[in-house]
Amino acid sequence: MSGAEGGSTAAEGIDQRVEFAGIALRNPVLTASGTFGYGTEFAPFLDLGSIGGFVAKSLTLEPRFGNPPPRIAETPAGMLNAISIENVGVEAFLDEKLPALPEATVVLASAFGTDPGAYAELAARVSEHPRIAGIEINASCPHVKSGGIEFGQDPVLLAELVRAVRAATARPLIVKLSPNVTRIADMARVCEAEGADGVSLINAVQAMEVDVERRRPVLSNVLGGLSGPAIRPIALRMVWQVAQAVGIPICGVGGITGAEDAVKFMLCGASAIQVGTLNYLDPSAAGRIATGIAEYARRQGFERVADLTGALEAPRG
């Protein structure tokens, strides 16, 4: 499919619009939180109007410094990161980062905290801004000392978290789920039961790497999050399982390297997808992926990209 991703005319006549969690998107391609900064960093490389939107870097109530370096490392077919939610804080994001974006850009805020009250307060604060189309709860960061993965792995804590944030905002609410669980469908059911409008999956897989010459972990934090093509089959499996278990929409994330990968997530049940690690290698890739998805739909006889969702023909018996 790589040849189709570069052309804009090949997808003419295909309706690329989708709706995800009540948010109207011009196409199903978003960029993943933590890989796209605050949007302005990618403006020289990518027309933000060519993609559905983006999920901004996860925010905390106050500015936050991350882990000390080294905190990023390459791995076979992927990368490890342990940046640990370094960000400018919610006030600077709303006052400085959002106004610098083109008006038509669809922006989802990503909320992080160490307790449900902090998540809820942050969600309420960003909900006051008219530019925020929705909120993604980062309930699954695998490389922070508290919060994040703790909520994503415990159904009782996850329910408490989603319930608190749901009470704090009327905006579309998406929960980003952790793959570091035994039964991903159960965690998605918890989100649905507590009023989430959608789920994103998966976040990075908790992992580590070792420098044998120094006999030390390569990351200062020891553990990090593995992302990139290595995790794509895991992500596809989990998206498919969640699609069988809940009625709320899914955003598929994990190891997307081109339009064909994005289509795989949609066939497995995702209504939208997020491009993550690839942004580091090719900051313009998301736009070509959107075009490539539409071209696939045209070649397969679909008039609407949205009709790809759940169109996997699974074997019977």
C-alpha atoms as a PDB file:
ATOM      1  CA  MET A   1       0.000   0.000   0.000  1.00  0.00           C
ATOM      2  CA  SER A   2       2.991   2.306   0.274  1.00  0.00           C
ATOM      3  CA  GLY A   3       2.571   3.558  -3.287  1.00  0.00           C
ATOM      4  CA  ALA A   4      -1.035   4.621  -2.664  1.00  0.00           C
ATOM      5  CA  GLU A   5      -0.198   6.662   0.403  1.00  0.00           C
ATOM      6  CA  GLY A   6       1.467   9.450  -1.525  1.00  0.00           C
ATOM      7  CA  GLY A   7      -1.312  10.331  -3.960  1.00  0.00           C
ATOM      8  CA  SER A   8      -4.179  12.697  -3.160  1.00  0.00           C
ATOM      9  CA  THR A   9      -6.286  12.091  -6.262  1.00  0.00           C
ATOM     10  CA  ALA A  10      -6.522   8.320  -5.929  1.00  0.00           C
ATOM     11  CA  ALA A  11      -8.987   8.633  -3.033  1.00  0.00           C
ATOM     12  CA  GLU A  12     -11.319  11.162  -4.672  1.00  0.00           C
ATOM     13  CA  GLY A  13     -14.972  10.351  -4.175  1.00  0.00           C
ATOM     14  CA  ILE A  14     -14.407   8.494  -0.907  1.00  0.00           C
ATOM     15  CA  ASP A  15     -16.088   9.923   2.183  1.00  0.00           C
ATOM     16  CA  GLN A  16     -13.252  10.025   4.720  1.00  0.00           C
ATOM     17  CA  ARG A  17     -15.288  11.451   7.603  1.00  0.00           C
ATOM     18  CA  VAL A  18     -15.713   9.409  10.768  1.00  0.00           C
ATOM     19  CA  GLU A  19     -17.181   9.994  14.196  1.00  0.00           C
ATOM     20  CA  PHE A  20     -15.284   8.854  17.247  1.00  0.00           C
ATOM     21  CA  ALA A  21     -16.776   9.134  20.745  1.00  0.00           C
ATOM     22  CA  GLY A  22     -19.082  11.911  19.570  1.00  0.00           C
ATOM     23  CA  ILE A  23     -16.249  13.871  17.912  1.00  0.00           C
ATOM     24  CA  ALA A  24     -16.565  14.563  14.183  1.00  0.00           C
ATOM     25  CA  LEU A  25     -13.256  13.945  12.401  1.00  0.00           C
ATOM     26  CA  ARG A  26     -12.386  14.759   8.779  1.00  0.00           C
ATOM     27  CA  ASN A  27     -10.644  11.367   8.601  1.00  0.00           C
ATOM     28  CA  PRO A  28      -9.831   8.612  11.123  1.00  0.00           C
ATOM     29  CA  VAL A  29      -6.177   9.569  11.668  1.00  0.00           C
ATOM     30  CA  LEU A  30      -5.122  11.119  14.968  1.00  0.00           C
ATOM     31  CA  THR A  31      -1.634  11.394  16.400  1.00  0.00           C
ATOM     32  CA  ALA A  32      -0.884   9.833  19.757  1.00  0.00           C
ATOM     33  CA  SER A  33      -0.228  11.729  22.952  1.00  0.00           C
ATOM     34  CA  GLY A  34       3.432  12.106  23.812  1.00  0.00           C
ATOM     35  CA  THR A  35       4.599  11.720  20.207  1.00  0.00           C
ATOM     36  CA  PHE A  36       3.279  14.950  18.704  1.00  0.00           C
ATOM     37  CA  GLY A  37       4.096  17.543  21.364  1.00  0.00           C
ATOM     38  CA  TYR A  38       1.544  20.342  21.416  1.00  0.00           C
ATOM     39  CA  GLY A  39       0.980  20.314  17.648  1.00  0.00           C
ATOM     40  CA  THR A  40       2.952  23.406  16.723  1.00  0.00           C
ATOM     41  CA  GLU A  41       6.216  21.443  16.646  1.00  0.00           C
ATOM     42  CA  PHE A  42       4.955  19.480  13.639  1.00  0.00           C
ATOM     43  CA  ALA A  43       3.484  22.397  11.682  1.00  0.00           C
ATOM     44  CA  PRO A  44       6.606  22.762   9.468  1.00  0.00           C
ATOM     45  CA  PHE A  45       6.288  19.134   8.359  1.00  0.00           C
ATOM     46  CA  LEU A  46       2.565  18.377   8.272  1.00  0.00           C
ATOM     47  CA  ASP A  47      -0.597  20.282   7.391  1.00  0.00           C
ATOM     48  CA  LEU A  48      -2.621  19.731  10.544  1.00  0.00           C
ATOM     49  CA  GLY A  49      -5.733  20.059   8.388  1.00  0.00           C
ATOM     50  CA  SER A  50      -4.817  16.857   6.541  1.00  0.00           C
ATOM     51  CA  ILE A  51      -5.484  14.636   9.557  1.00  0.00           C
ATOM     52  CA  GLY A  52      -8.479  14.090  11.812  1.00  0.00           C
ATOM     53  CA  GLY A  53      -6.797  15.713  14.795  1.00  0.00           C
ATOM     54  CA  PHE A  54      -4.261  15.023  17.511  1.00  0.00           C
ATOM     55  CA  VAL A  55      -4.027  14.103  21.156  1.00  0.00           C
ATOM     56  CA  ALA A  56      -1.800  16.607  22.907  1.00  0.00           C
ATOM     57  CA  LYS A  57       0.987  15.662  25.281  1.00  0.00           C
ATOM     58  CA  SER A  58      -0.379  14.479  28.624  1.00  0.00           C
ATOM     59  CA  LEU A  59      -0.995  17.341  31.048  1.00  0.00           C
ATOM     60  CA  THR A  60      -0.768  17.659  34.799  1.00  0.00           C
ATOM     61  CA  LEU A  61      -2.156  20.450  36.971  1.00  0.00           C
ATOM     62  CA  GLU A  62       1.331  21.892  37.504  1.00  0.00           C
ATOM     63  CA  PRO A  63       4.384  21.794  35.231  1.00  0.00           C
ATOM     64  CA  ARG A  64       6.212  18.501  35.565  1.00  0.00           C
ATOM     65  CA  PHE A  65       9.783  17.445  34.933  1.00  0.00           C
ATOM     66  CA  GLY A  66      10.343  13.923  33.718  1.00  0.00           C
ATOM     67  CA  ASN A  67      12.903  11.277  34.507  1.00  0.00           C
ATOM     68  CA  PRO A  68      16.605  12.079  34.091  1.00  0.00           C
ATOM     69  CA  PRO A  69      18.348  10.764  30.963  1.00  0.00           C
ATOM     70  CA  PRO A  70      18.889   8.321  29.496  1.00  0.00           C
ATOM     71  CA  ARG A  71      15.147   7.981  29.008  1.00  0.00           C
ATOM     72  CA  ILE A  72      14.791   6.895  25.361  1.00  0.00           C
ATOM     73  CA  ALA A  73      16.410   3.874  23.728  1.00  0.00           C
ATOM     74  CA  GLU A  74      16.018   2.033  20.447  1.00  0.00           C
ATOM     75  CA  THR A  75      15.060  -1.633  20.474  1.00  0.00           C
ATOM     76  CA  PRO A  76      14.523  -4.188  17.704  1.00  0.00           C
ATOM     77  CA  ALA A  77      11.374  -3.056  15.849  1.00  0.00           C
ATOM     78  CA  GLY A  78      10.597  -0.373  18.391  1.00  0.00           C
ATOM     79  CA  MET A  79      11.729   2.001  21.088  1.00  0.00           C
ATOM     80  CA  LEU A  80      11.665   2.319  24.854  1.00  0.00           C
ATOM     81  CA  ASN A  81      10.801   5.557  26.568  1.00  0.00           C
ATOM     82  CA  ALA A  82      10.608   6.601  30.195  1.00  0.00           C
ATOM     83  CA  ILE A  83      10.092  10.345  29.823  1.00  0.00           C
ATOM     84  CA  SER A  84       7.442  10.255  32.557  1.00  0.00           C
ATOM     85  CA  ILE A  85       4.823  12.863  31.556  1.00  0.00           C
ATOM     86  CA  GLU A  86       7.121  15.887  31.390  1.00  0.00           C
ATOM     87  CA  ASN A  87       4.864  18.808  30.404  1.00  0.00           C
ATOM     88  CA  VAL A  88       4.278  22.552  30.714  1.00  0.00           C
ATOM     89  CA  GLY A  89       1.212  22.229  32.946  1.00  0.00           C
ATOM     90  CA  VAL A  90      -2.413  22.906  32.134  1.00  0.00           C
ATOM     91  CA  GLU A  91      -2.322  26.702  32.422  1.00  0.00           C
ATOM     92  CA  ALA A  92       0.542  27.157  29.956  1.00  0.00           C
ATOM     93  CA  PHE A  93      -1.101  24.687  27.591  1.00  0.00           C
ATOM     94  CA  LEU A  94      -4.391  26.593  27.553  1.00  0.00           C
ATOM     95  CA  ASP A  95      -2.866  30.078  27.515  1.00  0.00           C
ATOM     96  CA  GLU A  96       0.099  29.569  25.187  1.00  0.00           C
ATOM     97  CA  LYS A  97      -0.003  26.301  23.247  1.00  0.00           C
ATOM     98  CA  LEU A  98      -3.652  26.129  22.130  1.00  0.00           C
ATOM     99  CA  PRO A  99      -3.853  29.680  20.721  1.00  0.00           C
ATOM    100  CA  ALA A 100      -0.867  28.940  18.482  1.00  0.00           C
ATOM    101  CA  LEU A 101      -2.738  26.186  16.613  1.00  0.00           C
ATOM    102  CA  PRO A 102      -4.849  26.697  13.468  1.00  0.00           C
ATOM    103  CA  GLU A 103      -8.510  27.220  14.371  1.00  0.00           C
ATOM    104  CA  ALA A 104      -9.738  24.167  12.473  1.00  0.00           C
ATOM    105  CA  THR A 105      -7.416  21.735  14.265  1.00  0.00           C
ATOM    106  CA  VAL A 106      -9.239  19.115  16.326  1.00  0.00           C
ATOM    107  CA  VAL A 107      -7.464  18.882  19.681  1.00  0.00           C
ATOM    108  CA  LEU A 108      -7.969  16.247  22.356  1.00  0.00           C
ATOM    109  CA  ALA A 109      -6.420  16.944  25.738  1.00  0.00           C
ATOM    110  CA  SER A 110      -4.706  14.115  27.599  1.00  0.00           C
ATOM    111  CA  ALA A 111      -5.138  14.186  31.369  1.00  0.00           C
ATOM    112  CA  PHE A 112      -2.803  12.639  33.918  1.00  0.00           C
ATOM    113  CA  GLY A 113      -2.701  12.659  37.699  1.00  0.00           C
ATOM    114  CA  THR A 114      -1.724  10.641  40.729  1.00  0.00           C
ATOM    115  CA  ASP A 115      -5.256  10.418  42.145  1.00  0.00           C
ATOM    116  CA  PRO A 116      -8.804  10.653  40.747  1.00  0.00           C
ATOM    117  CA  GLY A 117      -9.300  14.141  42.176  1.00  0.00           C
ATOM    118  CA  ALA A 118      -6.330  15.521  40.236  1.00  0.00           C
ATOM    119  CA  TYR A 119      -7.560  13.923  37.020  1.00  0.00           C
ATOM    120  CA  ALA A 120     -11.034  15.345  37.578  1.00  0.00           C
ATOM    121  CA  GLU A 121      -9.779  18.836  38.358  1.00  0.00           C
ATOM    122  CA  LEU A 122      -7.650  18.856  35.231  1.00  0.00           C
ATOM    123  CA  ALA A 123     -10.533  17.584  33.093  1.00  0.00           C
ATOM    124  CA  ALA A 124     -12.811  20.302  34.427  1.00  0.00           C
ATOM    125  CA  ARG A 125     -10.179  22.940  33.709  1.00  0.00           C
ATOM    126  CA  VAL A 126      -9.554  21.959  30.076  1.00  0.00           C
ATOM    127  CA  SER A 127     -13.299  21.533  29.484  1.00  0.00           C
ATOM    128  CA  GLU A 128     -13.724  25.273  29.947  1.00  0.00           C
ATOM    129  CA  HIS A 129     -11.750  25.941  26.769  1.00  0.00           C
ATOM    130  CA  PRO A 130     -13.802  25.850  23.536  1.00  0.00           C
ATOM    131  CA  ARG A 131     -10.880  24.442  21.509  1.00  0.00           C
ATOM    132  CA  ILE A 132     -10.853  21.136  23.384  1.00  0.00           C
ATOM    133  CA  ALA A 133     -12.898  18.583  21.425  1.00  0.00           C
ATOM    134  CA  GLY A 134     -12.521  15.799  23.967  1.00  0.00           C
ATOM    135  CA  ILE A 135     -10.444  14.423  26.820  1.00  0.00           C
ATOM    136  CA  GLU A 136      -8.349  11.274  26.821  1.00  0.00           C
ATOM    137  CA  ILE A 137      -7.573   9.932  30.293  1.00  0.00           C
ATOM    138  CA  ASN A 138      -4.030   8.615  30.438  1.00  0.00           C
ATOM    139  CA  ALA A 139      -4.789   5.747  32.802  1.00  0.00           C
ATOM    140  CA  SER A 140      -1.974   3.558  31.586  1.00  0.00           C
ATOM    141  CA  CYS A 141       1.444   5.241  31.519  1.00  0.00           C
ATOM    142  CA  PRO A 142       3.904   2.396  32.226  1.00  0.00           C
ATOM    143  CA  HIS A 143       6.871   4.407  33.504  1.00  0.00           C
ATOM    144  CA  VAL A 144       5.795   6.763  36.293  1.00  0.00           C
ATOM    145  CA  LYS A 145       6.204   6.176  40.022  1.00  0.00           C
ATOM    146  CA  SER A 146       2.512   6.671  40.895  1.00  0.00           C
ATOM    147  CA  GLY A 147      -0.733   7.003  38.955  1.00  0.00           C
ATOM    148  CA  GLY A 148      -0.997   5.827  35.373  1.00  0.00           C
ATOM    149  CA  ILE A 149      -0.451   2.105  35.194  1.00  0.00           C
ATOM    150  CA  GLU A 150      -1.837   1.617  38.726  1.00  0.00           C
ATOM    151  CA  PHE A 151      -5.269   2.767  37.537  1.00  0.00           C
ATOM    152  CA  GLY A 152      -4.987   0.880  34.266  1.00  0.00           C
ATOM    153  CA  GLN A 153      -4.328  -2.461  35.952  1.00  0.00           C
ATOM    154  CA  ASP A 154      -6.904  -2.388  38.740  1.00  0.00           C
ATOM    155  CA  PRO A 155     -10.580  -2.486  37.700  1.00  0.00           C
ATOM    156  CA  VAL A 156     -11.738  -1.000  41.012  1.00  0.00           C
ATOM    157  CA  LEU A 157      -9.312   1.934  40.778  1.00  0.00           C
ATOM    158  CA  LEU A 158     -10.119   2.385  37.090  1.00  0.00           C
ATOM    159  CA  ALA A 159     -13.840   2.563  37.827  1.00  0.00           C
ATOM    160  CA  GLU A 160     -13.214   5.165  40.541  1.00  0.00           C
ATOM    161  CA  LEU A 161     -11.068   7.210  38.166  1.00  0.00           C
ATOM    162  CA  VAL A 162     -13.497   7.170  35.222  1.00  0.00           C
ATOM    163  CA  ARG A 163     -16.417   7.942  37.528  1.00  0.00           C
ATOM    164  CA  ALA A 164     -14.634  10.980  38.983  1.00  0.00           C
ATOM    165  CA  VAL A 165     -13.641  12.396  35.601  1.00  0.00           C
ATOM    166  CA  ARG A 166     -17.064  11.698  34.096  1.00  0.00           C
ATOM    167  CA  ALA A 167     -18.639  13.766  36.872  1.00  0.00           C
ATOM    168  CA  ALA A 168     -16.222  16.621  36.141  1.00  0.00           C
ATOM    169  CA  THR A 169     -16.832  17.056  32.417  1.00  0.00           C
ATOM    170  CA  ALA A 170     -19.529  16.802  29.787  1.00  0.00           C
ATOM    171  CA  ARG A 171     -16.956  16.658  26.975  1.00  0.00           C
ATOM    172  CA  PRO A 172     -16.379  13.409  25.100  1.00  0.00           C
ATOM    173  CA  LEU A 173     -14.352  11.192  27.428  1.00  0.00           C
ATOM    174  CA  ILE A 174     -11.920   8.557  26.185  1.00  0.00           C
ATOM    175  CA  VAL A 175      -9.864   6.235  28.375  1.00  0.00           C
ATOM    176  CA  LYS A 176      -6.446   5.071  27.165  1.00  0.00           C
ATOM    177  CA  LEU A 177      -6.074   1.494  28.326  1.00  0.00           C
ATOM    178  CA  SER A 178      -2.981  -0.384  29.439  1.00  0.00           C
ATOM    179  CA  PRO A 179      -1.924  -3.589  27.676  1.00  0.00           C
ATOM    180  CA  ASN A 180      -0.255  -4.689  30.905  1.00  0.00           C
ATOM    181  CA  VAL A 181      -3.335  -6.610  32.053  1.00  0.00           C
ATOM    182  CA  THR A 182      -4.640 -10.163  31.784  1.00  0.00           C
ATOM    183  CA  ARG A 183      -8.103  -9.385  30.389  1.00  0.00           C
ATOM    184  CA  ILE A 184      -8.256  -6.156  28.407  1.00  0.00           C
ATOM    185  CA  ALA A 185     -11.964  -6.591  27.621  1.00  0.00           C
ATOM    186  CA  ASP A 186     -12.806  -6.468  31.329  1.00  0.00           C
ATOM    187  CA  MET A 187     -11.075  -3.105  31.671  1.00  0.00           C
ATOM    188  CA  ALA A 188     -12.973  -1.757  28.674  1.00  0.00           C
ATOM    189  CA  ARG A 189     -16.262  -2.918  30.206  1.00  0.00           C
ATOM    190  CA  VAL A 190     -15.413  -0.960  33.353  1.00  0.00           C
ATOM    191  CA  CYS A 191     -14.915   2.202  31.290  1.00  0.00           C
ATOM    192  CA  GLU A 192     -18.189   1.714  29.439  1.00  0.00           C
ATOM    193  CA  ALA A 193     -20.095   1.084  32.665  1.00  0.00           C
ATOM    194  CA  GLU A 194     -18.768   4.288  34.221  1.00  0.00           C
ATOM    195  CA  GLY A 195     -19.803   6.472  31.298  1.00  0.00           C
ATOM    196  CA  ALA A 196     -16.735   6.700  29.056  1.00  0.00           C
ATOM    197  CA  ASP A 197     -17.569   7.647  25.465  1.00  0.00           C
ATOM    198  CA  GLY A 198     -14.726   5.623  23.988  1.00  0.00           C
ATOM    199  CA  VAL A 199     -11.445   3.838  24.656  1.00  0.00           C
ATOM    200  CA  SER A 200      -7.985   4.095  23.127  1.00  0.00           C
ATOM    201  CA  LEU A 201      -5.729   1.060  23.070  1.00  0.00           C
ATOM    202  CA  ILE A 202      -3.056   0.233  23.524  1.00  0.00           C
ATOM    203  CA  ASN A 203      -0.546   2.278  25.461  1.00  0.00           C
ATOM    204  CA  ALA A 204       3.074   1.152  25.521  1.00  0.00           C
ATOM    205  CA  VAL A 205       3.988  -2.277  26.860  1.00  0.00           C
ATOM    206  CA  GLN A 206       6.053  -2.169  30.038  1.00  0.00           C
ATOM    207  CA  ALA A 207       9.556  -3.385  29.221  1.00  0.00           C
ATOM    208  CA  MET A 208      13.274  -2.952  29.848  1.00  0.00           C
ATOM    209  CA  GLU A 209      16.612  -3.342  28.108  1.00  0.00           C
ATOM    210  CA  VAL A 210      20.108  -4.003  29.434  1.00  0.00           C
ATOM    211  CA  ASP A 211      23.556  -2.661  28.542  1.00  0.00           C
ATOM    212  CA  VAL A 212      25.704  -5.776  29.006  1.00  0.00           C
ATOM    213  CA  GLU A 213      29.041  -3.928  28.894  1.00  0.00           C
ATOM    214  CA  ARG A 214      28.045  -1.653  31.736  1.00  0.00           C
ATOM    215  CA  ARG A 215      25.827  -4.310  33.359  1.00  0.00           C
ATOM    216  CA  ARG A 216      23.153  -1.679  33.824  1.00  0.00           C
ATOM    217  CA  PRO A 217      19.640  -0.995  32.512  1.00  0.00           C
ATOM    218  CA  VAL A 218      19.747   1.284  29.488  1.00  0.00           C
ATOM    219  CA  LEU A 219      17.104   3.579  31.041  1.00  0.00           C
ATOM    220  CA  SER A 220      17.694   5.547  34.223  1.00  0.00           C
ATOM    221  CA  ASN A 221      14.182   4.546  35.311  1.00  0.00           C
ATOM    222  CA  VAL A 222      14.991   0.849  34.613  1.00  0.00           C
ATOM    223  CA  LEU A 223      11.480   0.243  33.219  1.00  0.00           C
ATOM    224  CA  GLY A 224      10.025   2.000  30.220  1.00  0.00           C
ATOM    225  CA  GLY A 225       7.265   1.714  27.665  1.00  0.00           C
ATOM    226  CA  LEU A 226       7.878  -0.321  24.523  1.00  0.00           C
ATOM    227  CA  SER A 227       6.250   1.103  21.400  1.00  0.00           C
ATOM    228  CA  GLY A 228       6.630   0.701  17.651  1.00  0.00           C
ATOM    229  CA  PRO A 229       6.001  -2.177  15.222  1.00  0.00           C
ATOM    230  CA  ALA A 230       6.981  -4.799  17.802  1.00  0.00           C
ATOM    231  CA  ILE A 231       3.738  -4.269  19.713  1.00  0.00           C
ATOM    232  CA  ARG A 232       1.325  -4.057  16.756  1.00  0.00           C
ATOM    233  CA  PRO A 233       0.126  -7.697  16.860  1.00  0.00           C
ATOM    234  CA  ILE A 234      -0.577  -7.312  20.577  1.00  0.00           C
ATOM    235  CA  ALA A 235      -2.512  -4.113  19.930  1.00  0.00           C
ATOM    236  CA  LEU A 236      -4.535  -5.678  17.114  1.00  0.00           C
ATOM    237  CA  ARG A 237      -5.464  -8.618  19.302  1.00  0.00           C
ATOM    238  CA  MET A 238      -6.618  -6.340  22.098  1.00  0.00           C
ATOM    239  CA  VAL A 239      -8.614  -4.044  19.800  1.00  0.00           C
ATOM    240  CA  TRP A 240     -10.389  -7.085  18.361  1.00  0.00           C
ATOM    241  CA  GLN A 241     -11.153  -8.448  21.834  1.00  0.00           C
ATOM    242  CA  VAL A 242     -12.489  -5.121  23.091  1.00  0.00           C
ATOM    243  CA  ALA A 243     -14.622  -4.668  19.970  1.00  0.00           C
ATOM    244  CA  GLN A 244     -16.366  -7.948  20.827  1.00  0.00           C
ATOM    245  CA  ALA A 245     -16.978  -6.837  24.414  1.00  0.00           C
ATOM    246  CA  VAL A 246     -18.229  -3.228  24.404  1.00  0.00           C
ATOM    247  CA  GLY A 247     -20.474  -0.937  22.401  1.00  0.00           C
ATOM    248  CA  ILE A 248     -18.456   2.259  22.772  1.00  0.00           C
ATOM    249  CA  PRO A 249     -16.034   3.167  19.953  1.00  0.00           C
ATOM    250  CA  ILE A 250     -12.352   2.271  19.924  1.00  0.00           C
ATOM    251  CA  CYS A 251      -9.285   4.201  18.795  1.00  0.00           C
ATOM    252  CA  GLY A 252      -6.552   1.773  17.757  1.00  0.00           C
ATOM    253  CA  VAL A 253      -2.956   2.552  18.697  1.00  0.00           C
ATOM    254  CA  GLY A 254       0.300   0.646  18.531  1.00  0.00           C
ATOM    255  CA  GLY A 255       3.011   0.208  15.932  1.00  0.00           C
ATOM    256  CA  ILE A 256       1.321   1.783  12.921  1.00  0.00           C
ATOM    257  CA  THR A 257       3.892   2.320  10.162  1.00  0.00           C
ATOM    258  CA  GLY A 258       1.627   2.991   7.192  1.00  0.00           C
ATOM    259  CA  ALA A 259      -1.918   2.967   5.865  1.00  0.00           C
ATOM    260  CA  GLU A 260      -2.069  -0.823   5.713  1.00  0.00           C
ATOM    261  CA  ASP A 261      -1.405  -1.055   9.445  1.00  0.00           C
ATOM    262  CA  ALA A 262      -4.070   1.565  10.140  1.00  0.00           C
ATOM    263  CA  VAL A 263      -6.583  -0.392   8.050  1.00  0.00           C
ATOM    264  CA  LYS A 264      -5.844  -3.510  10.096  1.00  0.00           C
ATOM    265  CA  PHE A 265      -6.951  -1.715  13.260  1.00  0.00           C
ATOM    266  CA  MET A 266     -10.142  -0.501  11.609  1.00  0.00           C
ATOM    267  CA  LEU A 267     -10.989  -3.952  10.289  1.00  0.00           C
ATOM    268  CA  CYS A 268     -10.541  -5.294  13.825  1.00  0.00           C
ATOM    269  CA  GLY A 269     -13.091  -2.781  15.132  1.00  0.00           C
ATOM    270  CA  ALA A 270     -11.428   0.611  15.567  1.00  0.00           C
ATOM    271  CA  SER A 271     -13.364   3.701  14.460  1.00  0.00           C
ATOM    272  CA  ALA A 272     -10.196   5.822  14.444  1.00  0.00           C
ATOM    273  CA  ILE A 273      -6.458   5.253  14.851  1.00  0.00           C
ATOM    274  CA  GLN A 274      -3.492   7.050  16.366  1.00  0.00           C
ATOM    275  CA  VAL A 275      -0.033   7.324  14.841  1.00  0.00           C
ATOM    276  CA  GLY A 276       2.630   7.315  17.537  1.00  0.00           C
ATOM    277  CA  THR A 277       6.276   6.278  17.325  1.00  0.00           C
ATOM    278  CA  LEU A 278       6.325   6.769  13.556  1.00  0.00           C
ATOM    279  CA  ASN A 279       6.075  10.526  14.138  1.00  0.00           C
ATOM    280  CA  TYR A 280       9.664  10.492  15.417  1.00  0.00           C
ATOM    281  CA  LEU A 281      10.913   8.865  12.216  1.00  0.00           C
ATOM    282  CA  ASP A 282       8.685  10.693   9.735  1.00  0.00           C
ATOM    283  CA  PRO A 283       6.850  13.767  11.049  1.00  0.00           C
ATOM    284  CA  SER A 284       4.741  14.014   7.879  1.00  0.00           C
ATOM    285  CA  ALA A 285       3.560  10.394   7.855  1.00  0.00           C
ATOM    286  CA  ALA A 286       0.105  10.870   9.392  1.00  0.00           C
ATOM    287  CA  GLY A 287      -1.190  12.827   6.396  1.00  0.00           C
ATOM    288  CA  ARG A 288      -0.086  10.152   3.930  1.00  0.00           C
ATOM    289  CA  ILE A 289      -1.644   7.466   6.073  1.00  0.00           C
ATOM    290  CA  ALA A 290      -4.999   9.247   5.891  1.00  0.00           C
ATOM    291  CA  THR A 291      -4.792   9.318   2.098  1.00  0.00           C
ATOM    292  CA  GLY A 292      -3.728   5.681   2.013  1.00  0.00           C
ATOM    293  CA  ILE A 293      -6.711   4.556   4.087  1.00  0.00           C
ATOM    294  CA  ALA A 294      -9.085   6.259   1.660  1.00  0.00           C
ATOM    295  CA  GLU A 295      -7.324   4.686  -1.304  1.00  0.00           C
ATOM    296  CA  TYR A 296      -7.684   1.248   0.284  1.00  0.00           C
ATOM    297  CA  ALA A 297     -11.405   1.885   0.767  1.00  0.00           C
ATOM    298  CA  ARG A 298     -11.754   2.856  -2.901  1.00  0.00           C
ATOM    299  CA  ARG A 299      -9.916  -0.248  -4.135  1.00  0.00           C
ATOM    300  CA  GLN A 300     -12.032  -2.490  -1.929  1.00  0.00           C
ATOM    301  CA  GLY A 301     -15.307  -0.952  -3.086  1.00  0.00           C
ATOM    302  CA  PHE A 302     -16.190   1.021   0.057  1.00  0.00           C
ATOM    303  CA  GLU A 303     -17.735   4.455  -0.435  1.00  0.00           C
ATOM    304  CA  ARG A 304     -17.020   5.503   3.147  1.00  0.00           C
ATOM    305  CA  VAL A 305     -13.892   5.003   5.211  1.00  0.00           C
ATOM    306  CA  ALA A 306     -16.153   4.560   8.265  1.00  0.00           C
ATOM    307  CA  ASP A 307     -17.474   1.317   6.763  1.00  0.00           C
ATOM    308  CA  LEU A 308     -14.063  -0.296   7.256  1.00  0.00           C
ATOM    309  CA  THR A 309     -14.692  -0.475  11.005  1.00  0.00           C
ATOM    310  CA  GLY A 310     -15.371  -4.068  11.995  1.00  0.00           C
ATOM    311  CA  ALA A 311     -15.237  -5.333   8.406  1.00  0.00           C
ATOM    312  CA  LEU A 312     -12.851  -8.171   9.245  1.00  0.00           C
ATOM    313  CA  GLU A 313     -14.040 -11.468   7.825  1.00  0.00           C
ATOM    314  CA  ALA A 314     -13.018 -13.789  10.641  1.00  0.00           C
ATOM    315  CA  PRO A 315     -12.990 -17.563  10.072  1.00  0.00           C
ATOM    316  CA  ARG A 316     -16.029 -19.450  11.331  1.00  0.00           C
ATOM    317  CA  GLY A 317     -15.985 -22.606  13.353  1.00  0.00           C
END
